[in-house]
Amino acid sequence: AWFRQAPGKEREFVSSIHSDLVPTYADSVKGRFAIDRENAKNTMYLEM
């Protein structure tokens, strides 16, 4: 998953992705951000 935190603000959930590639997005980033992962490389991406 990706979280974000700005100074003086609480940590905020941004997006998550399961190993089966099912994604979840916070409402604030839906339609703008895309999450993906390559399990063979243990790598996750967030295209913003």
All heavy atoms as atom14 arrays in JSON, in Angstrom:
{
  "sequence": "AWFRQAPGKEREFVSSIHSDLVPTYADSVKGRFAIDRENAKNTMYLEM",
  "atom14_mask": [
    [1, 1, 1, 1, 1, 0, 0, 0, 0, 0, 0, 0, 0, 0],
    [1, 1, 1, 1, 1, 1, 1, 1, 1, 1, 1, 1, 1, 1],
    [1, 1, 1, 1, 1, 1, 1, 1, 1, 1, 1, 0, 0, 0],
    [1, 1, 1, 1, 1, 1, 1, 1, 1, 1, 1, 0, 0, 0],
    [1, 1, 1, 1, 1, 1, 1, 1, 1, 0, 0, 0, 0, 0],
    [1, 1, 1, 1, 1, 0, 0, 0, 0, 0, 0, 0, 0, 0],
    [1, 1, 1, 1, 1, 1, 1, 0, 0, 0, 0, 0, 0, 0],
    [1, 1, 1, 1, 0, 0, 0, 0, 0, 0, 0, 0, 0, 0],
    [1, 1, 1, 1, 1, 1, 1, 1, 1, 0, 0, 0, 0, 0],
    [1, 1, 1, 1, 1, 1, 1, 1, 1, 0, 0, 0, 0, 0],
    [1, 1, 1, 1, 1, 1, 1, 1, 1, 1, 1, 0, 0, 0],
    [1, 1, 1, 1, 1, 1, 1, 1, 1, 0, 0, 0, 0, 0],
    [1, 1, 1, 1, 1, 1, 1, 1, 1, 1, 1, 0, 0, 0],
    [1, 1, 1, 1, 1, 1, 1, 0, 0, 0, 0, 0, 0, 0],
    [1, 1, 1, 1, 1, 1, 0, 0, 0, 0, 0, 0, 0, 0],
    [1, 1, 1, 1, 1, 1, 0, 0, 0, 0, 0, 0, 0, 0],
    [1, 1, 1, 1, 1, 1, 1, 1, 0, 0, 0, 0, 0, 0],
    [1, 1, 1, 1, 1, 1, 1, 1, 1, 1, 0, 0, 0, 0],
    [1, 1, 1, 1, 1, 1, 0, 0, 0, 0, 0, 0, 0, 0],
    [1, 1, 1, 1, 1, 1, 1, 1, 0, 0, 0, 0, 0, 0],
    [1, 1, 1, 1, 1, 1, 1, 1, 0, 0, 0, 0, 0, 0],
    [1, 1, 1, 1, 1, 1, 1, 0, 0, 0, 0, 0, 0, 0],
    [1, 1, 1, 1, 1, 1, 1, 0, 0, 0, 0, 0, 0, 0],
    [1, 1, 1, 1, 1, 1, 1, 0, 0, 0, 0, 0, 0, 0],
    [1, 1, 1, 1, 1, 1, 1, 1, 1, 1, 1, 1, 0, 0],
    [1, 1, 1, 1, 1, 0, 0, 0, 0, 0, 0, 0, 0, 0],
    [1, 1, 1, 1, 1, 1, 1, 1, 0, 0, 0, 0, 0, 0],
    [1, 1, 1, 1, 1, 1, 0, 0, 0, 0, 0, 0, 0, 0],
    [1, 1, 1, 1, 1, 1, 1, 0, 0, 0, 0, 0, 0, 0],
    [1, 1, 1, 1, 1, 1, 1, 1, 1, 0, 0, 0, 0, 0],
    [1, 1, 1, 1, 0, 0, 0, 0, 0, 0, 0, 0, 0, 0],
    [1, 1, 1, 1, 1, 1, 1, 1, 1, 1, 1, 0, 0, 0],
    [1, 1, 1, 1, 1, 1, 1, 1, 1, 1, 1, 0, 0, 0],
    [1, 1, 1, 1, 1, 0, 0, 0, 0, 0, 0, 0, 0, 0],
    [1, 1, 1, 1, 1, 1, 1, 1, 0, 0, 0, 0, 0, 0],
    [1, 1, 1, 1, 1, 1, 1, 1, 0, 0, 0, 0, 0, 0],
    [1, 1, 1, 1, 1, 1, 1, 1, 1, 1, 1, 0, 0, 0],
    [1, 1, 1, 1, 1, 1, 1, 1, 1, 0, 0, 0, 0, 0],
    [1, 1, 1, 1, 1, 1, 1, 1, 0, 0, 0, 0, 0, 0],
    [1, 1, 1, 1, 1, 0, 0, 0, 0, 0, 0, 0, 0, 0],
    [1, 1, 1, 1, 1, 1, 1, 1, 1, 0, 0, 0, 0, 0],
    [1, 1, 1, 1, 1, 1, 1, 1, 0, 0, 0, 0, 0, 0],
    [1, 1, 1, 1, 1, 1, 1, 0, 0, 0, 0, 0, 0, 0],
    [1, 1, 1, 1, 1, 1, 1, 1, 0, 0, 0, 0, 0, 0],
    [1, 1, 1, 1, 1, 1, 1, 1, 1, 1, 1, 1, 0, 0],
    [1, 1, 1, 1, 1, 1, 1, 1, 0, 0, 0, 0, 0, 0],
    [1, 1, 1, 1, 1, 1, 1, 1, 1, 0, 0, 0, 0, 0],
    [1, 1, 1, 1, 1, 1, 1, 1, 0, 0, 0, 0, 0, 0]
  ],
  "atom14_positions": [
    [[0.82, -1.2, 0.0], [0.0, 0.0, 0.0], [0.86, 1.25, 0.0], [2.04, 1.23, 0.37], [-0.93, 0.02, 1.22], [0.0, 0.0, 0.0], [0.0, 0.0, 0.0], [0.0, 0.0, 0.0], [0.0, 0.0, 0.0], [0.0, 0.0, 0.0], [0.0, 0.0, 0.0], [0.0, 0.0, 0.0], [0.0, 0.0, 0.0], [0.0, 0.0, 0.0]],
    [[0.24, 2.33, -0.41], [0.82, 3.65, -0.32], [0.03, 4.49, 0.67], [-1.21, 4.52, 0.63], [0.82, 4.36, -1.68], [1.76, 3.77, -2.68], [1.44, 2.92, -3.69], [3.16, 4.0, -2.77], [2.57, 2.6, -4.41], [3.63, 3.25, -3.87], [4.06, 4.77, -2.03], [4.98, 3.24, -4.24], [5.39, 4.76, -2.39], [5.84, 4.0, -3.49]],
    [[0.75, 5.16, 1.54], [0.19, 6.16, 2.44], [0.92, 7.47, 2.17], [1.99, 7.5, 1.57], [0.37, 5.76, 3.9], [-0.45, 4.57, 4.32], [-0.07, 3.29, 3.98], [-1.61, 4.75, 5.07], [-0.83, 2.19, 4.37], [-2.37, 3.66, 5.47], [-1.98, 2.39, 5.12], [0.0, 0.0, 0.0], [0.0, 0.0, 0.0], [0.0, 0.0, 0.0]],
    [[0.34, 8.55, 2.64], [1.02, 9.83, 2.54], [0.77, 10.65, 3.8], [-0.23, 10.48, 4.48], [0.58, 10.61, 1.3], [-0.88, 11.03, 1.29], [-1.24, 11.62, -0.07], [-2.61, 12.1, -0.11], [-3.22, 12.55, -1.21], [-2.55, 12.58, -2.37], [-4.47, 12.98, -1.15], [0.0, 0.0, 0.0], [0.0, 0.0, 0.0], [0.0, 0.0, 0.0]],
    [[1.71, 11.52, 4.09], [1.6, 12.36, 5.26], [2.23, 13.71, 4.98], [3.39, 13.8, 4.59], [2.27, 11.71, 6.47], [2.03, 12.45, 7.77], [2.43, 11.64, 8.98], [3.23, 10.71, 8.88], [1.87, 11.98, 10.13], [0.0, 0.0, 0.0], [0.0, 0.0, 0.0], [0.0, 0.0, 0.0], [0.0, 0.0, 0.0], [0.0, 0.0, 0.0]],
    [[1.45, 14.75, 5.18], [1.93, 16.11, 5.07], [2.23, 16.64, 6.46], [1.66, 16.17, 7.45], [0.89, 16.98, 4.38], [0.0, 0.0, 0.0], [0.0, 0.0, 0.0], [0.0, 0.0, 0.0], [0.0, 0.0, 0.0], [0.0, 0.0, 0.0], [0.0, 0.0, 0.0], [0.0, 0.0, 0.0], [0.0, 0.0, 0.0], [0.0, 0.0, 0.0]],
    [[3.12, 17.61, 6.58], [3.45, 18.16, 7.9], [2.21, 18.65, 8.63], [1.39, 19.36, 8.07], [4.4, 19.31, 7.58], [5.02, 18.92, 6.28], [3.92, 18.22, 5.52], [0.0, 0.0, 0.0], [0.0, 0.0, 0.0], [0.0, 0.0, 0.0], [0.0, 0.0, 0.0], [0.0, 0.0, 0.0], [0.0, 0.0, 0.0], [0.0, 0.0, 0.0]],
    [[2.08, 18.26, 9.89], [0.96, 18.68, 10.7], [-0.34, 17.95, 10.44], [-1.35, 18.28, 11.05], [0.0, 0.0, 0.0], [0.0, 0.0, 0.0], [0.0, 0.0, 0.0], [0.0, 0.0, 0.0], [0.0, 0.0, 0.0], [0.0, 0.0, 0.0], [0.0, 0.0, 0.0], [0.0, 0.0, 0.0], [0.0, 0.0, 0.0], [0.0, 0.0, 0.0]],
    [[-0.32, 16.96, 9.58], [-1.52, 16.21, 9.25], [-1.31, 14.73, 9.55], [-0.18, 14.24, 9.63], [-1.89, 16.39, 7.78], [-2.17, 17.83, 7.38], [-2.6, 17.94, 5.94], [-3.97, 17.33, 5.71], [-4.45, 17.55, 4.32], [0.0, 0.0, 0.0], [0.0, 0.0, 0.0], [0.0, 0.0, 0.0], [0.0, 0.0, 0.0], [0.0, 0.0, 0.0]],
    [[-2.41, 14.03, 9.73], [-2.35, 12.61, 10.0], [-1.97, 11.83, 8.75], [-2.21, 12.28, 7.62], [-3.69, 12.11, 10.53], [-4.08, 12.68, 11.88], [-5.4, 12.12, 12.38], [-6.12, 11.5, 11.59], [-5.68, 12.31, 13.57], [0.0, 0.0, 0.0], [0.0, 0.0, 0.0], [0.0, 0.0, 0.0], [0.0, 0.0, 0.0], [0.0, 0.0, 0.0]],
    [[-1.39, 10.68, 8.96], [-1.09, 9.8, 7.85], [-2.38, 9.37, 7.17], [-3.36, 9.02, 7.82], [-0.3, 8.59, 8.35], [0.14, 7.64, 7.26], [1.03, 6.55, 7.84], [2.27, 7.11, 8.36], [3.15, 6.42, 9.08], [2.9, 5.15, 9.38], [4.25, 7.0, 9.51], [0.0, 0.0, 0.0], [0.0, 0.0, 0.0], [0.0, 0.0, 0.0]],
    [[-2.36, 9.36, 5.86], [-3.55, 9.13, 5.06], [-3.34, 7.96, 4.12], [-2.32, 7.88, 3.43], [-3.89, 10.4, 4.26], [-5.04, 10.25, 3.29], [-5.19, 11.46, 2.39], [-4.21, 12.23, 2.25], [-6.28, 11.65, 1.83], [0.0, 0.0, 0.0], [0.0, 0.0, 0.0], [0.0, 0.0, 0.0], [0.0, 0.0, 0.0], [0.0, 0.0, 0.0]],
    [[-4.3, 7.07, 4.09], [-4.29, 5.97, 3.14], [-4.49, 6.5, 1.73], [-5.38, 7.32, 1.49], [-5.38, 4.96, 3.48], [-5.57, 3.88, 2.47], [-4.75, 2.76, 2.46], [-6.56, 3.97, 1.5], [-4.92, 1.75, 1.52], [-6.74, 2.98, 0.57], [-5.92, 1.86, 0.58], [0.0, 0.0, 0.0], [0.0, 0.0, 0.0], [0.0, 0.0, 0.0]],
    [[-3.7, 6.02, 0.8], [-3.8, 6.45, -0.59], [-4.33, 5.32, -1.47], [-5.33, 5.49, -2.17], [-2.44, 6.93, -1.13], [-2.55, 7.28, -2.61], [-1.94, 8.12, -0.33], [0.0, 0.0, 0.0], [0.0, 0.0, 0.0], [0.0, 0.0, 0.0], [0.0, 0.0, 0.0], [0.0, 0.0, 0.0], [0.0, 0.0, 0.0], [0.0, 0.0, 0.0]],
    [[-3.67, 4.18, -1.42], [-4.03, 3.08, -2.3], [-3.38, 1.81, -1.82], [-2.31, 1.84, -1.2], [-3.6, 3.39, -3.74], [-4.02, 2.38, -4.64], [0.0, 0.0, 0.0], [0.0, 0.0, 0.0], [0.0, 0.0, 0.0], [0.0, 0.0, 0.0], [0.0, 0.0, 0.0], [0.0, 0.0, 0.0], [0.0, 0.0, 0.0], [0.0, 0.0, 0.0]],
    [[-4.0, 0.68, -2.1], [-3.42, -0.62, -1.77], [-3.64, -1.58, -2.92], [-4.5, -1.36, -3.79], [-4.04, -1.18, -0.48], [-5.4, -1.51, -0.66], [0.0, 0.0, 0.0], [0.0, 0.0, 0.0], [0.0, 0.0, 0.0], [0.0, 0.0, 0.0], [0.0, 0.0, 0.0], [0.0, 0.0, 0.0], [0.0, 0.0, 0.0], [0.0, 0.0, 0.0]],
    [[-2.87, -2.64, -2.9], [-3.02, -3.66, -3.93], [-2.66, -5.02, -3.34], [-1.65, -5.18, -2.66], [-2.17, -3.32, -5.17], [-2.46, -4.31, -6.3], [-0.69, -3.25, -4.84], [-1.96, -3.83, -7.65], [0.0, 0.0, 0.0], [0.0, 0.0, 0.0], [0.0, 0.0, 0.0], [0.0, 0.0, 0.0], [0.0, 0.0, 0.0], [0.0, 0.0, 0.0]],
    [[-3.51, -5.99, -3.6], [-3.3, -7.36, -3.15], [-2.39, -8.07, -4.14], [-2.2, -7.62, -5.27], [-4.66, -8.06, -3.04], [-4.65, -9.36, -2.32], [-4.43, -10.55, -2.96], [-4.83, -9.66, -1.01], [-4.47, -11.53, -2.08], [-4.71, -11.01, -0.9], [0.0, 0.0, 0.0], [0.0, 0.0, 0.0], [0.0, 0.0, 0.0], [0.0, 0.0, 0.0]],
    [[-1.87, -9.2, -3.71], [-1.03, -9.99, -4.59], [-1.79, -10.51, -5.81], [-1.16, -10.81, -6.83], [-0.4, -11.16, -3.83], [-1.39, -12.02, -3.29], [0.0, 0.0, 0.0], [0.0, 0.0, 0.0], [0.0, 0.0, 0.0], [0.0, 0.0, 0.0], [0.0, 0.0, 0.0], [0.0, 0.0, 0.0], [0.0, 0.0, 0.0], [0.0, 0.0, 0.0]],
    [[-3.12, -10.6, -5.71], [-3.93, -10.98, -6.87], [-4.29, -9.77, -7.73], [-5.11, -9.88, -8.64], [-5.18, -11.74, -6.45], [-6.17, -10.92, -5.63], [-5.93, -9.71, -5.45], [-7.17, -11.48, -5.17], [0.0, 0.0, 0.0], [0.0, 0.0, 0.0], [0.0, 0.0, 0.0], [0.0, 0.0, 0.0], [0.0, 0.0, 0.0], [0.0, 0.0, 0.0]],
    [[-3.71, -8.62, -7.42], [-3.79, -7.39, -8.2], [-5.09, -6.62, -8.0], [-5.38, -5.69, -8.76], [-3.55, -7.64, -9.68], [-2.24, -8.37, -10.04], [-2.1, -8.48, -11.55], [-1.04, -7.66, -9.43], [0.0, 0.0, 0.0], [0.0, 0.0, 0.0], [0.0, 0.0, 0.0], [0.0, 0.0, 0.0], [0.0, 0.0, 0.0], [0.0, 0.0, 0.0]],
    [[-5.87, -6.97, -6.98], [-7.08, -6.21, -6.67], [-6.67, -4.9, -6.0], [-6.03, -4.91, -4.95], [-8.02, -7.0, -5.76], [-9.22, -6.14, -5.38], [-8.48, -8.27, -6.46], [0.0, 0.0, 0.0], [0.0, 0.0, 0.0], [0.0, 0.0, 0.0], [0.0, 0.0, 0.0], [0.0, 0.0, 0.0], [0.0, 0.0, 0.0], [0.0, 0.0, 0.0]],
    [[-7.06, -3.76, -6.59], [-6.65, -2.47, -6.02], [-7.76, -1.81, -5.21], [-8.94, -2.08, -5.4], [-6.35, -1.64, -7.27], [-7.39, -2.12, -8.25], [-7.62, -3.59, -7.94], [0.0, 0.0, 0.0], [0.0, 0.0, 0.0], [0.0, 0.0, 0.0], [0.0, 0.0, 0.0], [0.0, 0.0, 0.0], [0.0, 0.0, 0.0], [0.0, 0.0, 0.0]],
    [[-7.35, -0.93, -4.33], [-8.25, -0.07, -3.59], [-7.67, 1.34, -3.61], [-6.46, 1.52, -3.47], [-8.44, -0.54, -2.14], [-8.97, -1.87, -2.14], [-9.41, 0.37, -1.4], [0.0, 0.0, 0.0], [0.0, 0.0, 0.0], [0.0, 0.0, 0.0], [0.0, 0.0, 0.0], [0.0, 0.0, 0.0], [0.0, 0.0, 0.0], [0.0, 0.0, 0.0]],
    [[-8.55, 2.34, -3.76], [-8.11, 3.73, -3.82], [-8.89, 4.57, -2.84], [-10.09, 4.38, -2.64], [-8.31, 4.32, -5.22], [-7.53, 3.63, -6.3], [-8.1, 2.64, -7.08], [-6.2, 3.99, -6.54], [-7.37, 2.02, -8.08], [-5.47, 3.36, -7.53], [-6.06, 2.38, -8.3], [-5.32, 1.77, -9.29], [0.0, 0.0, 0.0], [0.0, 0.0, 0.0]],
    [[-8.21, 5.52, -2.24], [-8.9, 6.55, -1.5], [-9.71, 7.41, -2.46], [-9.32, 7.61, -3.62], [-7.9, 7.42, -0.73], [0.0, 0.0, 0.0], [0.0, 0.0, 0.0], [0.0, 0.0, 0.0], [0.0, 0.0, 0.0], [0.0, 0.0, 0.0], [0.0, 0.0, 0.0], [0.0, 0.0, 0.0], [0.0, 0.0, 0.0], [0.0, 0.0, 0.0]],
    [[-10.83, 7.92, -1.97], [-11.68, 8.73, -2.83], [-10.94, 9.93, -3.41], [-11.21, 10.36, -4.53], [-12.91, 9.21, -2.06], [-13.89, 8.09, -1.78], [-13.83, 7.05, -2.45], [-14.74, 8.26, -0.88], [0.0, 0.0, 0.0], [0.0, 0.0, 0.0], [0.0, 0.0, 0.0], [0.0, 0.0, 0.0], [0.0, 0.0, 0.0], [0.0, 0.0, 0.0]],
    [[-10.0, 10.46, -2.66], [-9.3, 11.66, -3.08], [-8.41, 11.45, -4.3], [-8.03, 12.42, -4.96], [-8.46, 12.21, -1.93], [-7.51, 11.25, -1.49], [0.0, 0.0, 0.0], [0.0, 0.0, 0.0], [0.0, 0.0, 0.0], [0.0, 0.0, 0.0], [0.0, 0.0, 0.0], [0.0, 0.0, 0.0], [0.0, 0.0, 0.0], [0.0, 0.0, 0.0]],
    [[-8.08, 10.2, -4.61], [-7.17, 9.94, -5.72], [-7.79, 9.09, -6.82], [-7.15, 8.86, -7.85], [-5.86, 9.28, -5.24], [-5.21, 10.13, -4.17], [-6.11, 7.87, -4.74], [0.0, 0.0, 0.0], [0.0, 0.0, 0.0], [0.0, 0.0, 0.0], [0.0, 0.0, 0.0], [0.0, 0.0, 0.0], [0.0, 0.0, 0.0], [0.0, 0.0, 0.0]],
    [[-9.02, 8.64, -6.63], [-9.66, 7.82, -7.65], [-9.74, 8.57, -8.97], [-10.09, 9.74, -9.02], [-11.07, 7.43, -7.19], [-11.1, 6.32, -6.17], [-12.53, 5.94, -5.81], [-12.55, 4.79, -4.82], [-13.94, 4.44, -4.42], [0.0, 0.0, 0.0], [0.0, 0.0, 0.0], [0.0, 0.0, 0.0], [0.0, 0.0, 0.0], [0.0, 0.0, 0.0]],
    [[-9.42, 7.86, -10.03], [-9.44, 8.45, -11.35], [-8.18, 9.17, -11.73], [-7.99, 9.5, -12.9], [0.0, 0.0, 0.0], [0.0, 0.0, 0.0], [0.0, 0.0, 0.0], [0.0, 0.0, 0.0], [0.0, 0.0, 0.0], [0.0, 0.0, 0.0], [0.0, 0.0, 0.0], [0.0, 0.0, 0.0], [0.0, 0.0, 0.0], [0.0, 0.0, 0.0]],
    [[-7.29, 9.42, -10.75], [-6.05, 10.13, -11.03], [-4.82, 9.26, -10.8], [-3.83, 9.4, -11.52], [-5.94, 11.38, -10.16], [-7.05, 12.39, -10.4], [-6.76, 13.7, -9.67], [-6.69, 13.51, -8.22], [-5.61, 13.79, -7.48], [-4.52, 14.29, -8.06], [-5.64, 13.61, -6.17], [0.0, 0.0, 0.0], [0.0, 0.0, 0.0], [0.0, 0.0, 0.0]],
    [[-4.88, 8.4, -9.81], [-3.75, 7.54, -9.48], [-4.06, 6.11, -9.89], [-5.22, 5.68, -9.89], [-3.47, 7.54, -7.98], [-2.95, 8.84, -7.43], [-2.9, 9.99, -8.19], [-2.51, 8.89, -6.12], [-2.41, 11.18, -7.67], [-2.02, 10.07, -5.58], [-1.98, 11.22, -6.35], [0.0, 0.0, 0.0], [0.0, 0.0, 0.0], [0.0, 0.0, 0.0]],
    [[-3.04, 5.37, -10.24], [-3.17, 3.96, -10.57], [-2.07, 3.17, -9.88], [-0.9, 3.51, -9.99], [-3.11, 3.75, -12.08], [0.0, 0.0, 0.0], [0.0, 0.0, 0.0], [0.0, 0.0, 0.0], [0.0, 0.0, 0.0], [0.0, 0.0, 0.0], [0.0, 0.0, 0.0], [0.0, 0.0, 0.0], [0.0, 0.0, 0.0], [0.0, 0.0, 0.0]],
    [[-2.47, 2.13, -9.17], [-1.52, 1.28, -8.47], [-1.34, -0.02, -9.23], [-2.26, -0.53, -9.86], [-2.0, 1.03, -7.02], [-0.89, 0.41, -6.18], [-3.26, 0.17, -7.0], [-1.21, 0.37, -4.69], [0.0, 0.0, 0.0], [0.0, 0.0, 0.0], [0.0, 0.0, 0.0], [0.0, 0.0, 0.0], [0.0, 0.0, 0.0], [0.0, 0.0, 0.0]],
    [[-0.14, -0.56, -9.17], [0.15, -1.82, -9.82], [1.3, -2.48, -9.06], [1.97, -1.85, -8.25], [0.52, -1.6, -11.29], [0.43, -2.85, -12.14], [-0.07, -3.89, -11.64], [0.86, -2.81, -13.3], [0.0, 0.0, 0.0], [0.0, 0.0, 0.0], [0.0, 0.0, 0.0], [0.0, 0.0, 0.0], [0.0, 0.0, 0.0], [0.0, 0.0, 0.0]],
    [[1.49, -3.75, -9.31], [2.63, -4.45, -8.72], [3.08, -5.57, -9.63], [2.29, -6.12, -10.4], [2.3, -4.99, -7.32], [1.25, -6.08, -7.28], [0.9, -6.46, -5.84], [1.97, -7.21, -5.19], [1.96, -7.6, -3.91], [0.93, -7.29, -3.14], [2.98, -8.29, -3.41], [0.0, 0.0, 0.0], [0.0, 0.0, 0.0], [0.0, 0.0, 0.0]],
    [[4.35, -5.89, -9.52], [4.94, -7.02, -10.21], [5.43, -7.96, -9.13], [6.47, -7.72, -8.52], [6.08, -6.58, -11.11], [5.64, -5.67, -12.25], [6.78, -5.31, -13.17], [7.29, -6.22, -13.86], [7.17, -4.13, -13.2], [0.0, 0.0, 0.0], [0.0, 0.0, 0.0], [0.0, 0.0, 0.0], [0.0, 0.0, 0.0], [0.0, 0.0, 0.0]],
    [[4.68, -9.02, -8.9], [4.98, -9.91, -7.8], [6.34, -10.58, -7.93], [7.02, -10.81, -6.93], [3.88, -10.96, -7.67], [2.55, -10.37, -7.25], [2.5, -9.36, -6.56], [1.46, -11.01, -7.66], [0.0, 0.0, 0.0], [0.0, 0.0, 0.0], [0.0, 0.0, 0.0], [0.0, 0.0, 0.0], [0.0, 0.0, 0.0], [0.0, 0.0, 0.0]],
    [[6.71, -10.91, -9.15], [7.99, -11.57, -9.36], [9.17, -10.69, -8.99], [10.26, -11.2, -8.7], [8.11, -12.03, -10.81], [0.0, 0.0, 0.0], [0.0, 0.0, 0.0], [0.0, 0.0, 0.0], [0.0, 0.0, 0.0], [0.0, 0.0, 0.0], [0.0, 0.0, 0.0], [0.0, 0.0, 0.0], [0.0, 0.0, 0.0], [0.0, 0.0, 0.0]],
    [[8.96, -9.38, -8.99], [10.01, -8.43, -8.65], [9.82, -7.82, -7.26], [10.62, -6.98, -6.85], [10.06, -7.32, -9.69], [10.39, -7.81, -11.09], [10.2, -6.72, -12.12], [11.12, -5.55, -11.91], [10.98, -4.54, -12.99], [0.0, 0.0, 0.0], [0.0, 0.0, 0.0], [0.0, 0.0, 0.0], [0.0, 0.0, 0.0], [0.0, 0.0, 0.0]],
    [[8.75, -8.22, -6.56], [8.4, -7.65, -5.26], [8.35, -6.12, -5.32], [8.8, -5.43, -4.4], [9.4, -8.1, -4.18], [9.33, -9.58, -3.91], [8.27, -10.2, -4.03], [10.46, -10.17, -3.55], [0.0, 0.0, 0.0], [0.0, 0.0, 0.0], [0.0, 0.0, 0.0], [0.0, 0.0, 0.0], [0.0, 0.0, 0.0], [0.0, 0.0, 0.0]],
    [[7.8, -5.62, -6.39], [7.8, -4.19, -6.64], [6.38, -3.68, -6.85], [5.58, -4.3, -7.55], [8.65, -3.85, -7.87], [9.99, -4.3, -7.66], [8.67, -2.35, -8.12], [0.0, 0.0, 0.0], [0.0, 0.0, 0.0], [0.0, 0.0, 0.0], [0.0, 0.0, 0.0], [0.0, 0.0, 0.0], [0.0, 0.0, 0.0], [0.0, 0.0, 0.0]],
    [[6.09, -2.55, -6.23], [4.8, -1.88, -6.35], [5.03, -0.51, -6.96], [6.05, 0.14, -6.72], [4.15, -1.75, -4.97], [2.86, -0.95, -4.97], [2.14, -0.81, -3.31], [3.39, 0.15, -2.46], [0.0, 0.0, 0.0], [0.0, 0.0, 0.0], [0.0, 0.0, 0.0], [0.0, 0.0, 0.0], [0.0, 0.0, 0.0], [0.0, 0.0, 0.0]],
    [[4.05, -0.06, -7.73], [4.13, 1.23, -8.4], [2.89, 2.06, -8.09], [1.81, 1.53, -7.82], [4.23, 1.06, -9.91], [5.33, 0.15, -10.36], [5.08, -1.21, -10.59], [6.62, 0.62, -10.54], [6.09, -2.05, -11.0], [7.63, -0.23, -10.95], [7.36, -1.56, -11.18], [8.36, -2.41, -11.59], [0.0, 0.0, 0.0], [0.0, 0.0, 0.0]],
    [[3.06, 3.35, -8.13], [1.94, 4.26, -8.06], [2.13, 5.32, -9.13], [3.02, 6.16, -9.03], [1.83, 4.92, -6.68], [0.62, 5.83, -6.48], [-0.67, 5.0, -6.46], [0.75, 6.63, -5.19], [0.0, 0.0, 0.0], [0.0, 0.0, 0.0], [0.0, 0.0, 0.0], [0.0, 0.0, 0.0], [0.0, 0.0, 0.0], [0.0, 0.0, 0.0]],
    [[1.3, 5.25, -10.16], [1.32, 6.27, -11.19], [0.36, 7.37, -10.8], [-0.83, 7.12, -10.61], [0.94, 5.68, -12.55], [1.0, 6.7, -13.68], [0.72, 6.1, -15.03], [0.86, 4.86, -15.18], [0.38, 6.85, -15.95], [0.0, 0.0, 0.0], [0.0, 0.0, 0.0], [0.0, 0.0, 0.0], [0.0, 0.0, 0.0], [0.0, 0.0, 0.0]],
    [[0.87, 8.56, -10.66], [0.09, 9.7, -10.21], [-0.04, 10.68, -11.36], [0.95, 11.19, -11.87], [0.76, 10.36, -9.01], [1.01, 9.4, -7.85], [1.71, 10.23, -6.4], [3.3, 10.72, -7.06], [0.0, 0.0, 0.0], [0.0, 0.0, 0.0], [0.0, 0.0, 0.0], [0.0, 0.0, 0.0], [0.0, 0.0, 0.0], [0.0, 0.0, 0.0]]
  ]
}
